[in-house]
């Protein structure tokens, strides 16, 4: 298409609507004319004009929800989010397994220590040994067995 024609069309589309009064009149040959001023010496009828809506005010046709590029970006974003969520879940699962393993080993160590018959003690704030009494030893052994049952069984 000719660039001049495109320029003319663009200028026409961008032209501001006129707010001047319009007149309609018929000449001697019967041709109807429209102008902004009445013809001298002739009777003209005033025409009510309403400005056409500006191009920005006209409703645009419904555009597609998104372009292929937008869909591709959304797909990639969802993929990244899904992979991140899976990696986070794997890390949490690995941490949980490590914590269970550690708790299981600690419970087994406590069971082995308490059933070995070796005196069990702890140091008080003065640095003196305080031996575990037999009833406390049995209570602690039972708690260690419960912990082993909880943490040492396979999931």
N, C-alpha and C. Protein backbone atom coordinates (compact mmCIF):
# COMPACT_ATOMS: atom_id res chain seq x y z
N UNK A 1 0.85 -1.17 0.00
CA UNK A 1 0.00 0.00 0.00
C UNK A 1 0.90 1.23 0.00
N UNK A 2 0.43 2.27 -0.63
CA UNK A 2 1.18 3.51 -0.75
C UNK A 2 1.33 4.17 0.63
N UNK A 3 2.58 4.61 0.97
CA UNK A 3 2.79 5.24 2.28
C UNK A 3 1.97 6.52 2.46
N UNK A 4 1.71 7.22 1.38
CA UNK A 4 0.92 8.45 1.48
C UNK A 4 -0.53 8.14 1.86
N UNK A 5 -1.05 7.08 1.30
CA UNK A 5 -2.41 6.67 1.62
C UNK A 5 -2.48 6.26 3.09
N UNK A 6 -1.48 5.52 3.55
CA UNK A 6 -1.45 5.11 4.95
C UNK A 6 -1.37 6.33 5.87
N UNK A 7 -0.57 7.31 5.47
CA UNK A 7 -0.44 8.53 6.26
C UNK A 7 -1.77 9.27 6.32
N UNK A 8 -2.45 9.38 5.19
CA UNK A 8 -3.73 10.07 5.14
C UNK A 8 -4.77 9.35 6.02
N UNK A 9 -4.79 8.04 5.94
CA UNK A 9 -5.73 7.27 6.76
C UNK A 9 -5.42 7.48 8.24
N UNK A 10 -4.14 7.45 8.58
CA UNK A 10 -3.74 7.66 9.96
C UNK A 10 -4.14 9.03 10.46
N UNK A 11 -3.96 10.05 9.63
CA UNK A 11 -4.34 11.40 10.04
C UNK A 11 -5.85 11.52 10.21
N UNK A 12 -6.60 10.89 9.34
CA UNK A 12 -8.05 10.93 9.46
C UNK A 12 -8.51 10.24 10.74
N UNK A 13 -7.88 9.15 11.07
CA UNK A 13 -8.26 8.44 12.27
C UNK A 13 -7.89 9.20 13.54
N UNK A 14 -6.81 9.97 13.45
CA UNK A 14 -6.35 10.70 14.63
C UNK A 14 -7.00 12.08 14.75
N UNK A 15 -7.69 12.51 13.74
CA UNK A 15 -8.27 13.86 13.77
C UNK A 15 -9.30 13.96 14.89
N UNK A 16 -9.25 15.06 15.60
CA UNK A 16 -10.20 15.29 16.69
C UNK A 16 -11.57 15.61 16.11
N UNK A 17 -12.62 15.15 16.76
CA UNK A 17 -13.95 15.44 16.24
C UNK A 17 -14.24 16.93 16.34
N UNK A 18 -14.91 17.42 15.34
CA UNK A 18 -15.22 18.84 15.30
C UNK A 18 -16.47 19.12 16.11
N UNK A 19 -16.45 20.21 16.86
CA UNK A 19 -17.62 20.57 17.64
C UNK A 19 -18.40 21.73 17.00
N UNK A 20 -18.03 22.07 15.75
CA UNK A 20 -18.71 23.17 15.06
C UNK A 20 -20.09 22.73 14.59
N UNK A 21 -20.96 23.73 14.35
CA UNK A 21 -22.32 23.48 13.88
C UNK A 21 -22.29 23.10 12.40
N UNK A 22 -23.15 22.17 12.00
CA UNK A 22 -23.23 21.75 10.60
C UNK A 22 -24.56 22.21 9.99
N UNK A 23 -24.46 22.53 8.71
CA UNK A 23 -25.64 22.96 7.95
C UNK A 23 -25.80 22.08 6.72
N UNK A 24 -27.07 21.84 6.36
CA UNK A 24 -27.40 21.04 5.18
C UNK A 24 -28.20 21.92 4.23
N UNK A 25 -27.83 21.91 2.96
CA UNK A 25 -28.56 22.70 1.99
C UNK A 25 -28.47 22.05 0.63
N UNK A 26 -29.42 22.39 -0.25
CA UNK A 26 -29.49 21.82 -1.59
C UNK A 26 -29.28 22.95 -2.59
N UNK A 27 -28.38 22.69 -3.56
CA UNK A 27 -28.10 23.74 -4.56
C UNK A 27 -29.13 23.69 -5.69
N UNK A 28 -28.93 24.53 -6.72
CA UNK A 28 -29.88 24.64 -7.84
C UNK A 28 -29.99 23.34 -8.64
N UNK A 29 -28.96 22.55 -8.63
CA UNK A 29 -28.96 21.31 -9.40
C UNK A 29 -29.53 20.14 -8.61
N UNK A 30 -29.91 20.38 -7.33
CA UNK A 30 -30.50 19.33 -6.50
C UNK A 30 -29.49 18.50 -5.73
N UNK A 31 -28.24 19.01 -5.67
CA UNK A 31 -27.20 18.29 -4.94
C UNK A 31 -27.19 18.75 -3.50
N UNK A 32 -27.20 17.82 -2.58
CA UNK A 32 -27.19 18.14 -1.16
C UNK A 32 -25.75 18.38 -0.71
N UNK A 33 -25.57 19.47 0.04
CA UNK A 33 -24.25 19.81 0.56
C UNK A 33 -24.32 19.92 2.07
N UNK A 34 -23.19 19.68 2.71
CA UNK A 34 -23.03 19.87 4.16
C UNK A 34 -21.84 20.78 4.36
N UNK A 35 -21.99 21.77 5.25
CA UNK A 35 -20.89 22.68 5.54
C UNK A 35 -21.02 23.22 6.95
N UNK A 36 -19.94 23.89 7.40
CA UNK A 36 -19.94 24.45 8.75
C UNK A 36 -20.59 25.82 8.80
N UNK A 37 -20.80 26.40 7.65
CA UNK A 37 -21.48 27.71 7.62
C UNK A 37 -22.59 27.66 6.58
N UNK A 38 -23.68 28.38 6.81
CA UNK A 38 -24.78 28.35 5.83
C UNK A 38 -24.35 29.11 4.57
N UNK A 39 -24.86 28.71 3.42
CA UNK A 39 -24.48 29.41 2.18
C UNK A 39 -25.11 30.80 2.14
N UNK A 40 -24.42 31.77 1.60
CA UNK A 40 -24.99 33.12 1.53
C UNK A 40 -26.19 33.15 0.57
N UNK A 41 -27.27 33.71 1.03
CA UNK A 41 -28.45 33.88 0.18
C UNK A 41 -29.27 32.62 0.00
N UNK A 42 -29.03 31.59 0.69
CA UNK A 42 -29.81 30.35 0.56
C UNK A 42 -30.31 29.93 1.93
N UNK A 43 -31.38 29.18 1.89
CA UNK A 43 -31.94 28.66 3.13
C UNK A 43 -31.25 27.32 3.41
N UNK A 44 -30.73 27.18 4.68
CA UNK A 44 -30.02 25.96 5.08
C UNK A 44 -30.67 25.41 6.34
N UNK A 45 -30.63 24.16 6.44
CA UNK A 45 -31.20 23.49 7.61
C UNK A 45 -30.05 23.12 8.56
N UNK A 46 -30.22 23.47 9.83
CA UNK A 46 -29.19 23.17 10.81
C UNK A 46 -29.27 21.67 11.15
N UNK A 47 -28.11 21.00 11.13
CA UNK A 47 -28.05 19.55 11.39
C UNK A 47 -27.45 19.33 12.76
N UNK A 48 -28.14 18.54 13.55
CA UNK A 48 -27.63 18.20 14.88
C UNK A 48 -26.56 17.13 14.73
N UNK A 49 -25.38 17.43 15.22
CA UNK A 49 -24.29 16.44 15.11
C UNK A 49 -23.87 16.01 16.51
N UNK A 50 -23.51 14.80 16.60
CA UNK A 50 -22.94 14.30 17.84
C UNK A 50 -21.52 13.86 17.52
N UNK A 51 -20.60 14.28 18.33
CA UNK A 51 -19.22 13.91 18.03
C UNK A 51 -19.05 12.40 18.10
N UNK A 52 -18.27 11.91 17.17
CA UNK A 52 -18.01 10.47 17.18
C UNK A 52 -17.06 10.17 18.33
N UNK A 53 -17.20 9.02 18.91
CA UNK A 53 -16.31 8.69 20.02
C UNK A 53 -14.86 8.61 19.56
N UNK A 54 -13.98 9.02 20.44
CA UNK A 54 -12.56 8.98 20.09
C UNK A 54 -12.12 7.52 19.99
N UNK A 55 -11.07 7.29 19.25
CA UNK A 55 -10.62 5.90 19.08
C UNK A 55 -10.32 5.22 20.42
N UNK A 56 -9.85 5.98 21.41
CA UNK A 56 -9.55 5.34 22.69
C UNK A 56 -10.82 4.99 23.45
N UNK A 57 -11.92 5.69 23.17
CA UNK A 57 -13.16 5.43 23.88
C UNK A 57 -13.96 4.30 23.26
N UNK A 58 -13.69 4.00 22.01
CA UNK A 58 -14.44 2.92 21.37
C UNK A 58 -14.00 1.59 21.96
N UNK A 59 -14.96 0.74 22.22
CA UNK A 59 -14.59 -0.55 22.79
C UNK A 59 -13.77 -1.36 21.78
N UNK A 60 -12.72 -1.94 22.26
CA UNK A 60 -11.88 -2.75 21.39
C UNK A 60 -12.48 -4.13 21.27
N UNK A 61 -12.27 -4.74 20.14
CA UNK A 61 -12.78 -6.11 20.01
C UNK A 61 -12.06 -6.99 21.03
N UNK A 62 -12.76 -7.98 21.45
CA UNK A 62 -12.19 -8.87 22.46
C UNK A 62 -10.93 -9.52 21.91
N UNK A 63 -9.85 -9.35 22.64
CA UNK A 63 -8.60 -9.96 22.23
C UNK A 63 -8.55 -11.37 22.79
N UNK A 64 -7.77 -12.20 22.14
CA UNK A 64 -7.65 -13.54 22.71
C UNK A 64 -7.08 -13.45 24.11
N UNK A 65 -7.42 -14.40 24.96
CA UNK A 65 -7.01 -14.38 26.36
C UNK A 65 -5.50 -14.20 26.48
N UNK A 66 -4.77 -14.82 25.62
CA UNK A 66 -3.32 -14.64 25.65
C UNK A 66 -2.74 -15.12 24.33
N UNK A 67 -1.53 -14.70 24.11
CA UNK A 67 -0.84 -15.14 22.91
C UNK A 67 -0.09 -16.42 23.20
N UNK A 68 0.47 -17.01 22.18
CA UNK A 68 1.23 -18.24 22.39
C UNK A 68 2.43 -17.97 23.29
N UNK A 69 3.04 -16.81 23.15
CA UNK A 69 4.17 -16.47 24.00
C UNK A 69 3.77 -16.40 25.46
N UNK A 70 2.60 -15.79 25.72
CA UNK A 70 2.10 -15.72 27.10
C UNK A 70 1.82 -17.12 27.64
N UNK A 71 1.24 -17.96 26.80
CA UNK A 71 0.95 -19.33 27.23
C UNK A 71 2.24 -20.09 27.53
N UNK A 72 3.25 -19.88 26.69
CA UNK A 72 4.54 -20.54 26.89
C UNK A 72 5.18 -20.08 28.20
N UNK A 73 5.14 -18.76 28.45
CA UNK A 73 5.71 -18.23 29.70
C UNK A 73 4.95 -18.77 30.91
N UNK A 74 3.64 -18.83 30.83
CA UNK A 74 2.84 -19.35 31.93
C UNK A 74 3.15 -20.84 32.16
N UNK A 75 3.31 -21.59 31.08
CA UNK A 75 3.64 -23.01 31.20
C UNK A 75 5.00 -23.19 31.87
N UNK A 76 5.99 -22.41 31.42
CA UNK A 76 7.33 -22.49 32.02
C UNK A 76 7.28 -22.12 33.50
N UNK A 77 6.51 -21.08 33.84
CA UNK A 77 6.39 -20.66 35.24
C UNK A 77 5.78 -21.78 36.09
N UNK A 78 4.72 -22.41 35.57
CA UNK A 78 4.09 -23.52 36.30
C UNK A 78 5.06 -24.67 36.47
N UNK A 79 5.85 -24.95 35.43
CA UNK A 79 6.83 -26.04 35.49
C UNK A 79 7.88 -25.74 36.56
N UNK A 80 8.38 -24.51 36.58
CA UNK A 80 9.38 -24.12 37.57
C UNK A 80 8.80 -24.23 38.97
N UNK A 81 7.58 -23.75 39.16
CA UNK A 81 6.95 -23.82 40.48
C UNK A 81 6.74 -25.26 40.92
N UNK A 82 6.31 -26.12 39.99
CA UNK A 82 6.10 -27.52 40.33
C UNK A 82 7.42 -28.19 40.70
N UNK A 83 8.49 -27.92 39.92
CA UNK A 83 9.79 -28.51 40.23
C UNK A 83 10.31 -28.01 41.58
N UNK A 84 10.09 -26.74 41.87
CA UNK A 84 10.52 -26.19 43.16
C UNK A 84 9.78 -26.86 44.31
N UNK A 85 8.47 -27.04 44.13
CA UNK A 85 7.67 -27.69 45.18
C UNK A 85 8.12 -29.14 45.38
N UNK A 86 8.42 -29.85 44.28
CA UNK A 86 8.88 -31.23 44.40
C UNK A 86 10.23 -31.29 45.10
N UNK A 87 11.14 -30.38 44.75
CA UNK A 87 12.46 -30.36 45.38
C UNK A 87 12.35 -30.03 46.88
N UNK A 88 11.48 -29.09 47.22
CA UNK A 88 11.26 -28.74 48.62
C UNK A 88 10.72 -29.95 49.38
N UNK A 89 9.78 -30.66 48.77
CA UNK A 89 9.21 -31.85 49.41
C UNK A 89 10.28 -32.92 49.60
N UNK A 90 11.14 -33.12 48.58
CA UNK A 90 12.21 -34.11 48.70
C UNK A 90 13.16 -33.76 49.84
N UNK A 91 13.49 -32.46 49.96
CA UNK A 91 14.38 -32.03 51.03
C UNK A 91 13.74 -32.26 52.40
N UNK A 92 12.47 -31.90 52.52
CA UNK A 92 11.77 -32.11 53.80
C UNK A 92 11.70 -33.59 54.14
N UNK A 93 11.42 -34.42 53.13
CA UNK A 93 11.37 -35.86 53.37
C UNK A 93 12.73 -36.38 53.81
N UNK A 94 13.80 -35.91 53.16
CA UNK A 94 15.15 -36.35 53.52
C UNK A 94 15.50 -35.91 54.94
N UNK A 95 15.11 -34.69 55.30
CA UNK A 95 15.36 -34.21 56.66
C UNK A 95 14.58 -35.04 57.68
N UNK A 96 13.34 -35.37 57.36
CA UNK A 96 12.52 -36.16 58.26
C UNK A 96 13.11 -37.55 58.43
N UNK A 97 13.59 -38.16 57.35
CA UNK A 97 14.20 -39.48 57.41
C UNK A 97 15.47 -39.43 58.25
N UNK A 98 16.27 -38.37 58.07
CA UNK A 98 17.51 -38.23 58.85
C UNK A 98 17.20 -38.06 60.33
N UNK A 99 16.18 -37.28 60.64
CA UNK A 99 15.80 -37.08 62.04
C UNK A 99 15.30 -38.39 62.66
N UNK A 100 14.51 -39.15 61.91
CA UNK A 100 14.01 -40.44 62.42
C UNK A 100 15.18 -41.40 62.64
N UNK A 101 16.13 -41.42 61.70
CA UNK A 101 17.29 -42.30 61.83
C UNK A 101 18.09 -41.94 63.08
N UNK A 102 18.31 -40.65 63.29
CA UNK A 102 19.05 -40.18 64.46
C UNK A 102 18.33 -40.54 65.75
N UNK A 103 17.02 -40.35 65.78
CA UNK A 103 16.23 -40.69 66.97
C UNK A 103 16.26 -42.19 67.22
N UNK A 104 16.23 -42.98 66.16
CA UNK A 104 16.29 -44.44 66.29
C UNK A 104 17.64 -44.86 66.87
N UNK A 105 18.74 -44.31 66.33
CA UNK A 105 20.07 -44.65 66.83
C UNK A 105 20.23 -44.26 68.29
N UNK A 106 19.71 -43.10 68.65
CA UNK A 106 19.80 -42.65 70.04
C UNK A 106 19.01 -43.58 70.97
N UNK A 107 17.82 -43.99 70.55
CA UNK A 107 17.00 -44.90 71.35
C UNK A 107 17.70 -46.25 71.51
N UNK A 108 18.28 -46.78 70.43
CA UNK A 108 18.98 -48.07 70.50
C UNK A 108 20.21 -47.97 71.41
N UNK A 109 20.93 -46.87 71.31
CA UNK A 109 22.10 -46.67 72.18
C UNK A 109 21.67 -46.65 73.64
N UNK A 110 20.58 -45.93 73.93
CA UNK A 110 20.08 -45.86 75.30
C UNK A 110 19.66 -47.24 75.79
N UNK A 111 18.98 -48.02 74.96
CA UNK A 111 18.55 -49.37 75.32
C UNK A 111 19.77 -50.23 75.62
N UNK A 112 20.78 -50.18 74.75
CA UNK A 112 21.99 -50.98 74.95
C UNK A 112 22.71 -50.58 76.25
N UNK A 113 22.76 -49.29 76.52
CA UNK A 113 23.44 -48.83 77.73
C UNK A 113 22.69 -49.27 78.97
N UNK A 114 21.37 -49.10 78.96
CA UNK A 114 20.58 -49.42 80.17
C UNK A 114 20.47 -50.92 80.41
N UNK A 115 20.54 -51.75 79.38
CA UNK A 115 20.44 -53.21 79.55
C UNK A 115 21.79 -53.87 79.78
N UNK A 116 22.86 -53.13 79.63
CA UNK A 116 24.20 -53.72 79.78
C UNK A 116 24.59 -53.97 81.24
N UNK A 117 23.91 -53.33 82.17
CA UNK A 117 24.23 -53.51 83.58
C UNK A 117 25.29 -52.55 84.09
N UNK A 118 25.83 -51.74 83.23
CA UNK A 118 26.84 -50.76 83.62
C UNK A 118 26.13 -49.65 84.39
N UNK A 119 26.74 -49.17 85.50
CA UNK A 119 26.10 -48.07 86.22
C UNK A 119 25.99 -46.82 85.33
N UNK A 120 24.82 -46.17 85.35
CA UNK A 120 24.57 -44.98 84.54
C UNK A 120 24.51 -43.79 85.48
N UNK A 121 25.22 -42.74 85.12
CA UNK A 121 25.23 -41.55 85.97
C UNK A 121 25.28 -40.30 85.10
N UNK A 122 25.03 -39.18 85.76
CA UNK A 122 25.21 -37.87 85.13
C UNK A 122 25.91 -36.98 86.14
N UNK A 123 26.58 -35.97 85.66
CA UNK A 123 27.30 -35.06 86.54
C UNK A 123 26.39 -33.90 86.92
N UNK A 124 26.38 -33.58 88.22
CA UNK A 124 25.58 -32.44 88.67
C UNK A 124 26.39 -31.15 88.52
N UNK A 125 25.83 -30.04 88.98
CA UNK A 125 26.48 -28.74 88.81
C UNK A 125 27.80 -28.63 89.59
N UNK A 126 27.99 -29.48 90.62
CA UNK A 126 29.25 -29.48 91.39
C UNK A 126 30.30 -30.39 90.76
N UNK A 127 29.88 -31.12 89.72
CA UNK A 127 30.81 -32.05 89.08
C UNK A 127 30.82 -33.41 89.72
N UNK A 128 29.88 -33.68 90.61
CA UNK A 128 29.78 -34.98 91.28
C UNK A 128 28.88 -35.91 90.48
N UNK A 129 29.15 -37.21 90.57
CA UNK A 129 28.34 -38.21 89.87
C UNK A 129 27.05 -38.46 90.63
N UNK A 130 25.94 -38.48 89.85
CA UNK A 130 24.64 -38.86 90.40
C UNK A 130 24.18 -40.08 89.62
N UNK A 131 24.13 -41.22 90.30
CA UNK A 131 23.78 -42.48 89.64
C UNK A 131 22.27 -42.59 89.47
N UNK A 132 21.90 -43.24 88.39
CA UNK A 132 20.49 -43.45 88.06
C UNK A 132 19.94 -44.58 88.94
N UNK A 133 18.83 -44.28 89.63
CA UNK A 133 18.22 -45.29 90.50
C UNK A 133 17.55 -46.37 89.66
N UNK A 134 17.32 -47.53 90.26
CA UNK A 134 16.76 -48.66 89.52
C UNK A 134 15.38 -48.36 88.95
N UNK A 135 14.49 -47.70 89.73
CA UNK A 135 13.15 -47.40 89.21
C UNK A 135 13.22 -46.36 88.09
N UNK A 136 14.13 -45.40 88.19
CA UNK A 136 14.32 -44.41 87.12
C UNK A 136 14.93 -45.08 85.89
N UNK A 137 15.80 -46.06 86.13
CA UNK A 137 16.43 -46.80 85.04
C UNK A 137 15.36 -47.56 84.25
N UNK A 138 14.44 -48.20 84.93
CA UNK A 138 13.37 -48.96 84.26
C UNK A 138 12.45 -48.02 83.48
N UNK A 139 12.15 -46.88 84.08
CA UNK A 139 11.30 -45.89 83.40
C UNK A 139 11.99 -45.38 82.12
N UNK A 140 13.26 -45.08 82.24
CA UNK A 140 14.01 -44.57 81.08
C UNK A 140 14.14 -45.65 80.01
N UNK A 141 14.34 -46.88 80.41
CA UNK A 141 14.43 -47.99 79.46
C UNK A 141 13.12 -48.15 78.70
N UNK A 142 12.00 -48.03 79.42
CA UNK A 142 10.69 -48.15 78.75
C UNK A 142 10.50 -47.01 77.73
N UNK A 143 10.88 -45.79 78.09
CA UNK A 143 10.77 -44.65 77.15
C UNK A 143 11.66 -44.87 75.92
N UNK A 144 12.85 -45.43 76.12
CA UNK A 144 13.76 -45.70 75.00
C UNK A 144 13.18 -46.77 74.08
N UNK A 145 12.55 -47.79 74.67
CA UNK A 145 11.92 -48.85 73.86
C UNK A 145 10.75 -48.28 73.06
N UNK A 146 9.96 -47.42 73.68
CA UNK A 146 8.85 -46.78 72.96
C UNK A 146 9.38 -45.92 71.80
N UNK A 147 10.44 -45.18 72.05
CA UNK A 147 11.03 -44.35 71.00
C UNK A 147 11.57 -45.23 69.88
N UNK A 148 12.23 -46.33 70.21
CA UNK A 148 12.76 -47.24 69.20
C UNK A 148 11.63 -47.82 68.37
N UNK A 149 10.54 -48.17 69.04
CA UNK A 149 9.39 -48.72 68.31
C UNK A 149 8.82 -47.68 67.33
N UNK A 150 8.81 -46.44 67.76
CA UNK A 150 8.26 -45.38 66.91
C UNK A 150 9.19 -45.03 65.76
N UNK A 151 10.48 -44.83 66.05
CA UNK A 151 11.41 -44.30 65.05
C UNK A 151 12.17 -45.35 64.25
N UNK A 152 12.26 -46.58 64.74
CA UNK A 152 13.07 -47.58 64.05
C UNK A 152 12.29 -48.45 63.09
N UNK A 153 10.98 -48.33 63.08
CA UNK A 153 10.21 -49.16 62.15
C UNK A 153 10.23 -48.51 60.77
N UNK A 154 10.23 -49.31 59.73
CA UNK A 154 10.23 -48.75 58.37
C UNK A 154 8.88 -48.09 58.06
N UNK A 155 8.96 -47.07 57.23
CA UNK A 155 7.72 -46.34 56.87
C UNK A 155 7.02 -46.99 55.72
